[in-house]
Amino acid sequence: MFEKESTTRSPARPAVVQRRGVERRRAILDSAEALLAERGYEAATLKAIGERAGIPVASVYHYFSDRHQVDAELLQRHMAELDVLIGAELEATGPQTLSDTADAVINPSLAYFRRHPGCTALWFKGRREPLVELVRAFDKAQAERLWRLLVERGLIPADVPLLAMELAFEIGNRLFDVAFRRSPDGDDATVDESRRVVTAYLETYASDARRRG
């Protein structure tokens, strides 16, 4: 008698399957980034992203339920990088004035947006609620970090409400929106005005503290 040769194949190792999934997910995000940078927000549909990545759109849905999920994950990836850059700039410059502090946040942010137009498209043009919430959460976290730094350095009194710093970030974010609407690279004149407006606003609290002192 002859033993029947098995025609079944051993299942792929979980690690191989997992790695393939990670690679495909990254390819989808990278393709979305490229389309956003080259053709703008509206052109980066899930179908176009799949075609760019060389992945059937049905397979794209296996990793992302819709376009908004792709946008959100891509924006979070950018935010993680920007958070590190802002932190490094604040640590490196050791700002001594409110103007220095504004520059330490604005300069790396502006440079990052200019290097990553895909991020700019999501940040300012992807006005869907999940992305708006992500931007608000990012600004709130940055505002709290900056508030603590300014209080520690004695640049603002400790009784300045955190809300004031959150509003300063909201103002800066709105003016950056205007700057990137006026120019794809961010209008320099508008960015300079954002420096003046944010610094002047925070100076009102420092001035109040000096008058009370």
N, C-alpha and C. Protein backbone atom coordinates (compact mmCIF):
# COMPACT_ATOMS: atom_id res chain seq x y z
N MET A 1 0.83 -1.20 0.00
CA MET A 1 0.00 0.00 0.00
C MET A 1 0.86 1.25 0.00
N PHE A 2 0.35 2.22 -0.65
CA PHE A 2 1.08 3.49 -0.71
C PHE A 2 0.38 4.52 0.16
N GLU A 3 1.19 5.21 0.92
CA GLU A 3 0.61 6.28 1.73
C GLU A 3 0.21 7.44 0.84
N LYS A 4 -0.98 7.94 1.08
CA LYS A 4 -1.46 9.07 0.29
C LYS A 4 -0.69 10.32 0.68
N GLU A 5 -0.11 10.96 -0.33
CA GLU A 5 0.67 12.16 -0.06
C GLU A 5 -0.25 13.31 0.35
N SER A 6 0.09 13.94 1.42
CA SER A 6 -0.74 15.04 1.91
C SER A 6 -0.64 16.24 0.97
N THR A 7 -1.80 16.77 0.65
CA THR A 7 -1.83 17.96 -0.22
C THR A 7 -2.09 19.23 0.56
N THR A 8 -2.23 19.07 1.87
CA THR A 8 -2.47 20.26 2.68
C THR A 8 -1.16 20.96 2.98
N ARG A 9 -1.21 22.25 3.04
CA ARG A 9 -0.02 23.04 3.35
C ARG A 9 -0.07 23.51 4.80
N SER A 10 1.09 23.60 5.38
CA SER A 10 1.14 24.10 6.75
C SER A 10 0.76 25.57 6.75
N PRO A 11 -0.02 25.97 7.74
CA PRO A 11 -0.46 27.36 7.78
C PRO A 11 0.72 28.31 7.91
N ALA A 12 0.56 29.49 7.33
CA ALA A 12 1.62 30.49 7.43
C ALA A 12 1.85 30.84 8.88
N ARG A 13 3.07 31.06 9.21
CA ARG A 13 3.39 31.43 10.58
C ARG A 13 2.73 32.75 10.94
N PRO A 14 2.19 32.86 12.17
CA PRO A 14 1.53 34.10 12.58
C PRO A 14 2.41 35.33 12.41
N ALA A 15 3.72 35.19 12.69
CA ALA A 15 4.61 36.34 12.59
C ALA A 15 4.71 36.86 11.16
N VAL A 16 4.69 35.92 10.19
CA VAL A 16 4.78 36.31 8.78
C VAL A 16 3.52 37.04 8.37
N VAL A 17 2.37 36.51 8.79
CA VAL A 17 1.09 37.14 8.46
C VAL A 17 1.01 38.53 9.09
N GLN A 18 1.44 38.61 10.34
CA GLN A 18 1.40 39.90 11.03
C GLN A 18 2.31 40.92 10.35
N ARG A 19 3.50 40.48 9.96
CA ARG A 19 4.43 41.40 9.29
C ARG A 19 3.86 41.87 7.96
N ARG A 20 3.23 40.97 7.22
CA ARG A 20 2.63 41.35 5.95
C ARG A 20 1.53 42.39 6.18
N GLY A 21 0.75 42.18 7.23
CA GLY A 21 -0.31 43.14 7.54
C GLY A 21 0.24 44.50 7.89
N VAL A 22 1.32 44.54 8.66
CA VAL A 22 1.95 45.81 9.03
C VAL A 22 2.48 46.52 7.78
N GLU A 23 3.10 45.74 6.90
CA GLU A 23 3.66 46.32 5.67
C GLU A 23 2.56 46.89 4.77
N ARG A 24 1.46 46.17 4.67
CA ARG A 24 0.35 46.66 3.84
C ARG A 24 -0.28 47.91 4.44
N ARG A 25 -0.43 47.91 5.74
CA ARG A 25 -1.00 49.07 6.42
C ARG A 25 -0.12 50.30 6.19
N ARG A 26 1.20 50.09 6.30
CA ARG A 26 2.13 51.20 6.08
C ARG A 26 2.08 51.67 4.64
N ALA A 27 1.96 50.73 3.70
CA ALA A 27 1.89 51.10 2.28
C ALA A 27 0.64 51.93 2.00
N ILE A 28 -0.46 51.59 2.64
CA ILE A 28 -1.69 52.36 2.45
C ILE A 28 -1.52 53.78 2.98
N LEU A 29 -0.95 53.90 4.18
CA LEU A 29 -0.75 55.23 4.76
C LEU A 29 0.24 56.06 3.95
N ASP A 30 1.31 55.43 3.48
CA ASP A 30 2.29 56.14 2.66
C ASP A 30 1.68 56.61 1.34
N SER A 31 0.82 55.78 0.76
CA SER A 31 0.16 56.16 -0.49
C SER A 31 -0.81 57.31 -0.26
N ALA A 32 -1.52 57.26 0.86
CA ALA A 32 -2.43 58.36 1.19
C ALA A 32 -1.65 59.65 1.37
N GLU A 33 -0.52 59.56 2.03
CA GLU A 33 0.34 60.74 2.23
C GLU A 33 0.78 61.32 0.89
N ALA A 34 1.21 60.46 -0.03
CA ALA A 34 1.68 60.92 -1.34
C ALA A 34 0.56 61.59 -2.13
N LEU A 35 -0.62 61.00 -2.11
CA LEU A 35 -1.75 61.58 -2.84
C LEU A 35 -2.18 62.92 -2.25
N LEU A 36 -2.20 63.00 -0.95
CA LEU A 36 -2.55 64.27 -0.30
C LEU A 36 -1.58 65.37 -0.70
N ALA A 37 -0.29 65.03 -0.74
CA ALA A 37 0.73 66.02 -1.08
C ALA A 37 0.67 66.42 -2.55
N GLU A 38 0.42 65.45 -3.41
CA GLU A 38 0.48 65.71 -4.85
C GLU A 38 -0.82 66.25 -5.44
N ARG A 39 -1.96 65.75 -4.95
CA ARG A 39 -3.23 66.06 -5.61
C ARG A 39 -4.28 66.69 -4.69
N GLY A 40 -3.98 66.79 -3.40
CA GLY A 40 -4.90 67.45 -2.50
C GLY A 40 -5.86 66.51 -1.79
N TYR A 41 -6.60 67.07 -0.85
CA TYR A 41 -7.45 66.27 0.03
C TYR A 41 -8.54 65.52 -0.71
N GLU A 42 -9.25 66.17 -1.59
CA GLU A 42 -10.39 65.54 -2.25
C GLU A 42 -9.99 64.38 -3.14
N ALA A 43 -8.78 64.42 -3.68
CA ALA A 43 -8.33 63.38 -4.61
C ALA A 43 -7.91 62.10 -3.90
N ALA A 44 -7.63 62.18 -2.63
CA ALA A 44 -7.11 61.01 -1.90
C ALA A 44 -8.25 60.12 -1.42
N THR A 45 -9.00 59.57 -2.38
CA THR A 45 -10.08 58.64 -2.05
C THR A 45 -9.49 57.28 -1.70
N LEU A 46 -10.31 56.44 -1.09
CA LEU A 46 -9.83 55.11 -0.72
C LEU A 46 -9.47 54.30 -1.96
N LYS A 47 -10.23 54.47 -3.02
CA LYS A 47 -9.94 53.77 -4.28
C LYS A 47 -8.60 54.22 -4.84
N ALA A 48 -8.37 55.54 -4.86
CA ALA A 48 -7.11 56.07 -5.38
C ALA A 48 -5.93 55.64 -4.51
N ILE A 49 -6.15 55.60 -3.22
CA ILE A 49 -5.09 55.17 -2.29
C ILE A 49 -4.71 53.72 -2.56
N GLY A 50 -5.73 52.86 -2.74
CA GLY A 50 -5.46 51.46 -3.02
C GLY A 50 -4.70 51.28 -4.32
N GLU A 51 -5.11 52.02 -5.35
CA GLU A 51 -4.43 51.93 -6.64
C GLU A 51 -2.97 52.37 -6.51
N ARG A 52 -2.74 53.43 -5.76
CA ARG A 52 -1.37 53.93 -5.58
C ARG A 52 -0.52 52.91 -4.82
N ALA A 53 -1.12 52.24 -3.87
CA ALA A 53 -0.39 51.25 -3.07
C ALA A 53 -0.27 49.90 -3.76
N GLY A 54 -1.02 49.71 -4.86
CA GLY A 54 -1.03 48.42 -5.53
C GLY A 54 -1.78 47.37 -4.74
N ILE A 55 -2.79 47.81 -4.02
CA ILE A 55 -3.59 46.91 -3.18
C ILE A 55 -5.05 47.05 -3.60
N PRO A 56 -5.75 45.95 -3.89
CA PRO A 56 -7.17 46.04 -4.26
C PRO A 56 -7.97 46.77 -3.19
N VAL A 57 -8.92 47.55 -3.62
CA VAL A 57 -9.68 48.36 -2.66
C VAL A 57 -10.39 47.48 -1.63
N ALA A 58 -10.80 46.29 -2.05
CA ALA A 58 -11.44 45.36 -1.10
C ALA A 58 -10.48 45.00 0.03
N SER A 59 -9.18 44.88 -0.30
CA SER A 59 -8.17 44.58 0.72
C SER A 59 -7.89 45.78 1.59
N VAL A 60 -8.01 46.97 1.00
CA VAL A 60 -7.82 48.20 1.79
C VAL A 60 -8.86 48.24 2.91
N TYR A 61 -10.10 47.84 2.57
CA TYR A 61 -11.17 47.84 3.58
C TYR A 61 -10.90 46.83 4.70
N HIS A 62 -10.05 45.87 4.44
CA HIS A 62 -9.69 44.91 5.49
C HIS A 62 -8.88 45.60 6.59
N TYR A 63 -8.13 46.63 6.23
CA TYR A 63 -7.28 47.32 7.20
C TYR A 63 -7.90 48.62 7.71
N PHE A 64 -8.70 49.28 6.89
CA PHE A 64 -9.33 50.55 7.28
C PHE A 64 -10.80 50.51 6.86
N SER A 65 -11.68 50.80 7.79
CA SER A 65 -13.11 50.70 7.50
C SER A 65 -13.59 51.77 6.53
N ASP A 66 -12.91 52.93 6.52
CA ASP A 66 -13.30 53.99 5.60
C ASP A 66 -12.15 54.99 5.44
N ARG A 67 -12.36 55.98 4.60
CA ARG A 67 -11.35 57.01 4.33
C ARG A 67 -11.00 57.78 5.59
N HIS A 68 -11.99 58.04 6.44
CA HIS A 68 -11.75 58.85 7.63
C HIS A 68 -10.79 58.17 8.61
N GLN A 69 -10.83 56.84 8.64
CA GLN A 69 -9.92 56.11 9.51
C GLN A 69 -8.48 56.23 9.00
N VAL A 70 -8.32 56.21 7.69
CA VAL A 70 -6.98 56.43 7.10
C VAL A 70 -6.48 57.82 7.48
N ASP A 71 -7.33 58.83 7.29
CA ASP A 71 -6.96 60.21 7.61
C ASP A 71 -6.54 60.33 9.07
N ALA A 72 -7.34 59.76 9.97
CA ALA A 72 -7.08 59.89 11.40
C ALA A 72 -5.75 59.24 11.79
N GLU A 73 -5.49 58.04 11.27
CA GLU A 73 -4.25 57.36 11.64
C GLU A 73 -3.04 58.09 11.06
N LEU A 74 -3.18 58.60 9.86
CA LEU A 74 -2.08 59.35 9.24
C LEU A 74 -1.82 60.64 10.01
N LEU A 75 -2.87 61.34 10.40
CA LEU A 75 -2.69 62.58 11.16
C LEU A 75 -2.06 62.30 12.52
N GLN A 76 -2.44 61.22 13.16
CA GLN A 76 -1.84 60.86 14.44
C GLN A 76 -0.35 60.58 14.29
N ARG A 77 0.02 59.97 13.17
CA ARG A 77 1.44 59.71 12.92
C ARG A 77 2.20 61.03 12.81
N HIS A 78 1.62 61.99 12.10
CA HIS A 78 2.25 63.30 11.99
C HIS A 78 2.31 64.01 13.34
N MET A 79 1.26 63.92 14.11
CA MET A 79 1.22 64.59 15.40
C MET A 79 2.29 64.07 16.35
N ALA A 80 2.53 62.78 16.31
CA ALA A 80 3.56 62.20 17.16
C ALA A 80 4.93 62.77 16.81
N GLU A 81 5.20 62.92 15.52
CA GLU A 81 6.48 63.48 15.09
C GLU A 81 6.58 64.96 15.46
N LEU A 82 5.50 65.70 15.26
CA LEU A 82 5.51 67.13 15.56
C LEU A 82 5.65 67.38 17.06
N ASP A 83 5.03 66.55 17.86
CA ASP A 83 5.15 66.67 19.31
C ASP A 83 6.60 66.56 19.75
N VAL A 84 7.32 65.62 19.18
CA VAL A 84 8.74 65.44 19.50
C VAL A 84 9.55 66.67 19.07
N LEU A 85 9.26 67.19 17.90
CA LEU A 85 10.00 68.34 17.37
C LEU A 85 9.78 69.59 18.23
N ILE A 86 8.55 69.84 18.63
CA ILE A 86 8.27 71.00 19.46
C ILE A 86 8.95 70.85 20.82
N GLY A 87 8.87 69.67 21.40
CA GLY A 87 9.53 69.43 22.68
C GLY A 87 11.03 69.64 22.60
N ALA A 88 11.63 69.16 21.51
CA ALA A 88 13.07 69.32 21.33
C ALA A 88 13.45 70.79 21.16
N GLU A 89 12.62 71.53 20.43
CA GLU A 89 12.90 72.96 20.21
C GLU A 89 12.80 73.74 21.52
N LEU A 90 11.80 73.45 22.32
CA LEU A 90 11.64 74.13 23.61
C LEU A 90 12.83 73.83 24.53
N GLU A 91 13.28 72.59 24.50
CA GLU A 91 14.41 72.20 25.34
C GLU A 91 15.71 72.82 24.84
N ALA A 92 15.89 72.86 23.51
CA ALA A 92 17.14 73.37 22.93
C ALA A 92 17.27 74.88 23.08
N THR A 93 16.17 75.60 22.89
CA THR A 93 16.24 77.06 22.90
C THR A 93 16.17 77.63 24.30
N GLY A 94 15.53 76.90 25.21
CA GLY A 94 15.39 77.43 26.56
C GLY A 94 14.84 78.85 26.55
N PRO A 95 13.65 79.07 25.99
CA PRO A 95 13.14 80.42 25.78
C PRO A 95 13.12 81.25 27.06
N GLN A 96 13.56 82.52 26.92
CA GLN A 96 13.63 83.43 28.05
C GLN A 96 12.54 84.50 28.01
N THR A 97 11.84 84.62 26.90
CA THR A 97 10.76 85.60 26.77
C THR A 97 9.55 84.92 26.15
N LEU A 98 8.41 85.59 26.23
CA LEU A 98 7.21 85.06 25.61
C LEU A 98 7.35 85.01 24.09
N SER A 99 8.05 85.99 23.53
CA SER A 99 8.29 85.99 22.09
C SER A 99 9.14 84.79 21.69
N ASP A 100 10.18 84.51 22.47
CA ASP A 100 11.02 83.33 22.21
C ASP A 100 10.19 82.04 22.27
N THR A 101 9.28 82.01 23.23
CA THR A 101 8.45 80.82 23.42
C THR A 101 7.53 80.60 22.23
N ALA A 102 6.92 81.69 21.76
CA ALA A 102 6.05 81.58 20.58
C ALA A 102 6.84 81.07 19.39
N ASP A 103 8.05 81.58 19.21
CA ASP A 103 8.90 81.12 18.10
C ASP A 103 9.26 79.64 18.23
N ALA A 104 9.48 79.20 19.48
CA ALA A 104 9.89 77.81 19.71
C ALA A 104 8.77 76.83 19.36
N VAL A 105 7.54 77.30 19.34
CA VAL A 105 6.42 76.46 18.92
C VAL A 105 6.12 76.67 17.44
N ILE A 106 6.11 77.91 17.01
CA ILE A 106 5.73 78.23 15.63
C ILE A 106 6.76 77.75 14.63
N ASN A 107 8.04 77.96 14.91
CA ASN A 107 9.08 77.62 13.92
C ASN A 107 9.10 76.14 13.53
N PRO A 108 9.16 75.21 14.50
CA PRO A 108 9.15 73.80 14.08
C PRO A 108 7.83 73.38 13.45
N SER A 109 6.72 74.00 13.89
CA SER A 109 5.42 73.66 13.30
C SER A 109 5.36 74.11 11.84
N LEU A 110 5.80 75.32 11.59
CA LEU A 110 5.79 75.85 10.23
C LEU A 110 6.70 75.02 9.32
N ALA A 111 7.90 74.72 9.80
CA ALA A 111 8.84 73.93 9.01
C ALA A 111 8.27 72.54 8.72
N TYR A 112 7.58 71.96 9.70
CA TYR A 112 7.02 70.61 9.50
C TYR A 112 5.89 70.65 8.47
N PHE A 113 5.00 71.62 8.59
CA PHE A 113 3.91 71.72 7.63
C PHE A 113 4.43 71.93 6.21
N ARG A 114 5.49 72.70 6.09
CA ARG A 114 6.06 72.94 4.76
C ARG A 114 6.70 71.69 4.19
N ARG A 115 7.30 70.87 5.03
CA ARG A 115 7.91 69.62 4.57
C ARG A 115 6.89 68.55 4.28
N HIS A 116 5.72 68.64 4.91
CA HIS A 116 4.72 67.59 4.80
C HIS A 116 3.37 68.18 4.38
N PRO A 117 3.22 68.50 3.11
CA PRO A 117 1.95 69.07 2.65
C PRO A 117 0.75 68.15 2.87
N GLY A 118 1.00 66.86 2.96
CA GLY A 118 -0.09 65.93 3.26
C GLY A 118 -0.65 66.18 4.66
N CYS A 119 0.24 66.45 5.60
CA CYS A 119 -0.19 66.79 6.96
C CYS A 119 -0.98 68.09 6.96
N THR A 120 -0.49 69.06 6.19
CA THR A 120 -1.18 70.35 6.11
C THR A 120 -2.59 70.18 5.56
N ALA A 121 -2.75 69.33 4.56
CA ALA A 121 -4.07 69.08 3.98
C ALA A 121 -5.02 68.48 5.02
N LEU A 122 -4.53 67.55 5.80
CA LEU A 122 -5.37 66.95 6.83
C LEU A 122 -5.69 67.94 7.94
N TRP A 123 -4.69 68.71 8.35
CA TRP A 123 -4.82 69.61 9.49
C TRP A 123 -5.80 70.75 9.21
N PHE A 124 -5.70 71.31 8.00
CA PHE A 124 -6.48 72.51 7.71
C PHE A 124 -7.62 72.29 6.72
N LYS A 125 -7.57 71.22 5.93
CA LYS A 125 -8.61 71.01 4.93
C LYS A 125 -9.50 69.81 5.24
N GLY A 126 -8.99 68.87 6.02
CA GLY A 126 -9.79 67.71 6.38
C GLY A 126 -10.71 68.02 7.55
N ARG A 127 -11.73 68.82 7.29
CA ARG A 127 -12.57 69.35 8.36
C ARG A 127 -13.62 68.38 8.84
N ARG A 128 -13.35 67.10 8.81
CA ARG A 128 -14.27 66.13 9.36
C ARG A 128 -14.10 66.11 10.88
N GLU A 129 -15.16 65.80 11.57
CA GLU A 129 -15.16 65.89 13.03
C GLU A 129 -14.03 65.10 13.71
N PRO A 130 -13.75 63.85 13.30
CA PRO A 130 -12.66 63.13 13.96
C PRO A 130 -11.32 63.86 13.87
N LEU A 131 -11.04 64.47 12.72
CA LEU A 131 -9.77 65.19 12.57
C LEU A 131 -9.77 66.47 13.39
N VAL A 132 -10.90 67.16 13.41
CA VAL A 132 -11.01 68.38 14.22
C VAL A 132 -10.75 68.06 15.68
N GLU A 133 -11.31 66.95 16.15
CA GLU A 133 -11.11 66.55 17.55
C GLU A 133 -9.65 66.20 17.83
N LEU A 134 -9.00 65.55 16.88
CA LEU A 134 -7.58 65.22 17.05
C LEU A 134 -6.74 66.49 17.17
N VAL A 135 -7.02 67.47 16.31
CA VAL A 135 -6.28 68.74 16.36
C VAL A 135 -6.52 69.44 17.69
N ARG A 136 -7.76 69.45 18.15
CA ARG A 136 -8.06 70.09 19.43
C ARG A 136 -7.33 69.41 20.58
N ALA A 137 -7.30 68.09 20.56
CA ALA A 137 -6.63 67.35 21.62
C ALA A 137 -5.13 67.62 21.59
N PHE A 138 -4.56 67.69 20.39
CA PHE A 138 -3.13 67.97 20.26
C PHE A 138 -2.81 69.37 20.81
N ASP A 139 -3.60 70.36 20.40
CA ASP A 139 -3.37 71.72 20.86
C ASP A 139 -3.53 71.83 22.38
N LYS A 140 -4.50 71.11 22.91
CA LYS A 140 -4.71 71.15 24.36
C LYS A 140 -3.52 70.58 25.11
N ALA A 141 -2.96 69.48 24.62
CA ALA A 141 -1.79 68.87 25.25
C ALA A 141 -0.58 69.80 25.16
N GLN A 142 -0.40 70.44 23.98
CA GLN A 142 0.72 71.37 23.82
C GLN A 142 0.54 72.58 24.72
N ALA A 143 -0.69 73.06 24.84
CA ALA A 143 -0.97 74.22 25.68
C ALA A 143 -0.62 73.93 27.14
N GLU A 144 -0.97 72.74 27.61
CA GLU A 144 -0.67 72.39 29.00
C GLU A 144 0.84 72.30 29.22
N ARG A 145 1.55 71.71 28.27
CA ARG A 145 3.00 71.63 28.40
C ARG A 145 3.61 73.03 28.44
N LEU A 146 3.15 73.90 27.56
CA LEU A 146 3.71 75.24 27.49
C LEU A 146 3.35 76.05 28.73
N TRP A 147 2.14 75.90 29.21
CA TRP A 147 1.72 76.61 30.43
C TRP A 147 2.62 76.25 31.60
N ARG A 148 2.90 74.97 31.75
CA ARG A 148 3.78 74.53 32.84
C ARG A 148 5.19 75.11 32.68
N LEU A 149 5.69 75.12 31.46
CA LEU A 149 7.03 75.64 31.20
C LEU A 149 7.11 77.14 31.52
N LEU A 150 6.11 77.89 31.09
CA LEU A 150 6.13 79.34 31.31
C LEU A 150 6.00 79.68 32.79
N VAL A 151 5.20 78.91 33.50
CA VAL A 151 5.08 79.14 34.96
C VAL A 151 6.40 78.81 35.64
N GLU A 152 7.02 77.70 35.27
CA GLU A 152 8.30 77.31 35.87
C GLU A 152 9.39 78.35 35.62
N ARG A 153 9.36 78.97 34.45
CA ARG A 153 10.38 79.96 34.09
C ARG A 153 10.02 81.37 34.59
N GLY A 154 8.86 81.50 35.19
CA GLY A 154 8.45 82.80 35.70
C GLY A 154 8.04 83.79 34.63
N LEU A 155 7.72 83.27 33.44
CA LEU A 155 7.31 84.16 32.36
C LEU A 155 5.83 84.54 32.44
N ILE A 156 5.06 83.72 33.12
CA ILE A 156 3.68 84.07 33.43
C ILE A 156 3.43 83.64 34.88
N PRO A 157 2.55 84.35 35.59
CA PRO A 157 2.26 83.95 36.98
C PRO A 157 1.47 82.64 37.02
N ALA A 158 1.58 81.95 38.14
CA ALA A 158 0.95 80.64 38.27
C ALA A 158 -0.57 80.71 38.25
N ASP A 159 -1.14 81.90 38.51
CA ASP A 159 -2.60 82.00 38.53
C ASP A 159 -3.20 82.28 37.15
N VAL A 160 -2.33 82.34 36.11
CA VAL A 160 -2.86 82.46 34.75
C VAL A 160 -3.62 81.18 34.42
N PRO A 161 -4.88 81.29 34.01
CA PRO A 161 -5.65 80.07 33.74
C PRO A 161 -5.11 79.30 32.53
N LEU A 162 -5.18 78.00 32.63
CA LEU A 162 -4.76 77.16 31.50
C LEU A 162 -5.58 77.49 30.26
N LEU A 163 -6.81 77.92 30.46
CA LEU A 163 -7.66 78.30 29.34
C LEU A 163 -7.00 79.36 28.46
N ALA A 164 -6.27 80.29 29.08
CA ALA A 164 -5.61 81.34 28.31
C ALA A 164 -4.61 80.75 27.33
N MET A 165 -3.86 79.74 27.77
CA MET A 165 -2.88 79.10 26.89
C MET A 165 -3.60 78.29 25.80
N GLU A 166 -4.69 77.65 26.16
CA GLU A 166 -5.45 76.89 25.17
C GLU A 166 -6.00 77.83 24.09
N LEU A 167 -6.46 79.01 24.49
CA LEU A 167 -6.96 79.97 23.52
C LEU A 167 -5.83 80.53 22.65
N ALA A 168 -4.64 80.67 23.24
CA ALA A 168 -3.49 81.13 22.45
C ALA A 168 -3.19 80.13 21.33
N PHE A 169 -3.28 78.84 21.63
CA PHE A 169 -3.07 77.83 20.60
C PHE A 169 -4.19 77.85 19.58
N GLU A 170 -5.43 78.08 20.04
CA GLU A 170 -6.56 78.16 19.11
C GLU A 170 -6.37 79.33 18.15
N ILE A 171 -5.92 80.46 18.67
CA ILE A 171 -5.66 81.63 17.83
C ILE A 171 -4.57 81.32 16.81
N GLY A 172 -3.47 80.73 17.30
CA GLY A 172 -2.37 80.40 16.40
C GLY A 172 -2.78 79.42 15.32
N ASN A 173 -3.59 78.44 15.70
CA ASN A 173 -4.04 77.44 14.74
C ASN A 173 -4.92 78.08 13.65
N ARG A 174 -5.81 79.00 14.06
CA ARG A 174 -6.67 79.67 13.08
C ARG A 174 -5.86 80.53 12.12
N LEU A 175 -4.84 81.21 12.65
CA LEU A 175 -4.03 82.06 11.80
C LEU A 175 -3.14 81.24 10.86
N PHE A 176 -2.69 80.08 11.31
CA PHE A 176 -1.95 79.18 10.43
C PHE A 176 -2.86 78.69 9.30
N ASP A 177 -4.12 78.46 9.63
CA ASP A 177 -5.09 78.07 8.61
C ASP A 177 -5.16 79.14 7.52
N VAL A 178 -5.24 80.40 7.95
CA VAL A 178 -5.27 81.51 6.99
C VAL A 178 -3.97 81.54 6.18
N ALA A 179 -2.84 81.35 6.85
CA ALA A 179 -1.54 81.41 6.17
C ALA A 179 -1.45 80.36 5.07
N PHE A 180 -1.96 79.15 5.32
CA PHE A 180 -1.86 78.08 4.32
C PHE A 180 -2.98 78.15 3.29
N ARG A 181 -4.00 78.94 3.56
CA ARG A 181 -4.98 79.23 2.51
C ARG A 181 -4.44 80.29 1.55
N ARG A 182 -3.66 81.20 2.08
CA ARG A 182 -3.10 82.27 1.26
C ARG A 182 -1.94 81.79 0.41
N SER A 183 -1.24 80.75 0.88
CA SER A 183 -0.10 80.22 0.14
C SER A 183 0.10 78.75 0.51
N PRO A 184 0.42 77.88 -0.48
CA PRO A 184 0.65 76.47 -0.17
C PRO A 184 1.79 76.26 0.81
N ASP A 185 2.73 77.21 0.86
CA ASP A 185 3.86 77.09 1.77
C ASP A 185 3.65 77.85 3.07
N GLY A 186 2.48 78.43 3.26
CA GLY A 186 2.24 79.21 4.47
C GLY A 186 2.73 80.63 4.27
N ASP A 187 1.82 81.56 4.15
CA ASP A 187 2.17 82.96 3.90
C ASP A 187 2.98 83.53 5.06
N ASP A 188 4.21 83.98 4.77
CA ASP A 188 5.11 84.46 5.82
C ASP A 188 4.54 85.65 6.59
N ALA A 189 3.90 86.57 5.87
CA ALA A 189 3.36 87.75 6.54
C ALA A 189 2.28 87.36 7.55
N THR A 190 1.43 86.41 7.18
CA THR A 190 0.38 85.96 8.10
C THR A 190 0.98 85.22 9.29
N VAL A 191 2.00 84.41 9.05
CA VAL A 191 2.67 83.70 10.14
C VAL A 191 3.30 84.70 11.11
N ASP A 192 3.92 85.75 10.57
CA ASP A 192 4.52 86.78 11.44
C ASP A 192 3.45 87.47 12.28
N GLU A 193 2.28 87.69 11.68
CA GLU A 193 1.19 88.29 12.44
C GLU A 193 0.73 87.36 13.56
N SER A 194 0.74 86.07 13.29
CA SER A 194 0.34 85.11 14.33
C SER A 194 1.31 85.17 15.51
N ARG A 195 2.59 85.37 15.23
CA ARG A 195 3.57 85.52 16.31
C ARG A 195 3.21 86.74 17.17
N ARG A 196 2.92 87.84 16.51
CA ARG A 196 2.62 89.09 17.22
C ARG A 196 1.34 88.96 18.04
N VAL A 197 0.32 88.38 17.44
CA VAL A 197 -0.98 88.28 18.12
C VAL A 197 -0.87 87.39 19.36
N VAL A 198 -0.28 86.21 19.20
CA VAL A 198 -0.17 85.27 20.31
C VAL A 198 0.70 85.85 21.43
N THR A 199 1.84 86.44 21.05
CA THR A 199 2.74 87.02 22.06
C THR A 199 2.05 88.17 22.80
N ALA A 200 1.38 89.05 22.05
CA ALA A 200 0.70 90.19 22.66
C ALA A 200 -0.39 89.73 23.62
N TYR A 201 -1.11 88.69 23.23
CA TYR A 201 -2.17 88.16 24.10
C TYR A 201 -1.59 87.66 25.42
N LEU A 202 -0.53 86.87 25.34
CA LEU A 202 0.08 86.34 26.57
C LEU A 202 0.74 87.44 27.39
N GLU A 203 1.24 88.46 26.72
CA GLU A 203 1.87 89.58 27.43
C GLU A 203 0.87 90.30 28.33
N THR A 204 -0.40 90.26 27.98
CA THR A 204 -1.38 90.93 28.84
C THR A 204 -1.39 90.33 30.24
N TYR A 205 -1.17 89.03 30.33
CA TYR A 205 -1.13 88.39 31.64
C TYR A 205 0.15 88.74 32.39
N ALA A 206 1.27 88.78 31.67
CA ALA A 206 2.53 89.17 32.30
C ALA A 206 2.46 90.61 32.78
N SER A 207 1.84 91.49 31.98
CA SER A 207 1.72 92.90 32.35
C SER A 207 0.83 93.07 33.57
N ASP A 208 -0.26 92.32 33.61
CA ASP A 208 -1.15 92.38 34.78
C ASP A 208 -0.41 91.97 36.04
N ALA A 209 0.43 90.94 35.93
CA ALA A 209 1.18 90.46 37.09
C ALA A 209 2.18 91.52 37.54
N ARG A 210 2.82 92.21 36.58
CA ARG A 210 3.80 93.26 36.95
C ARG A 210 3.09 94.44 37.63
N ARG A 211 1.89 94.78 37.17
CA ARG A 211 1.16 95.87 37.78
C ARG A 211 0.73 95.53 39.21
N ARG A 212 0.33 94.27 39.38
CA ARG A 212 -0.08 93.84 40.73
C ARG A 212 1.12 93.80 41.65
N GLY A 213 2.31 93.49 41.06
CA GLY A 213 3.52 93.43 41.88
C GLY A 213 4.00 94.81 42.26
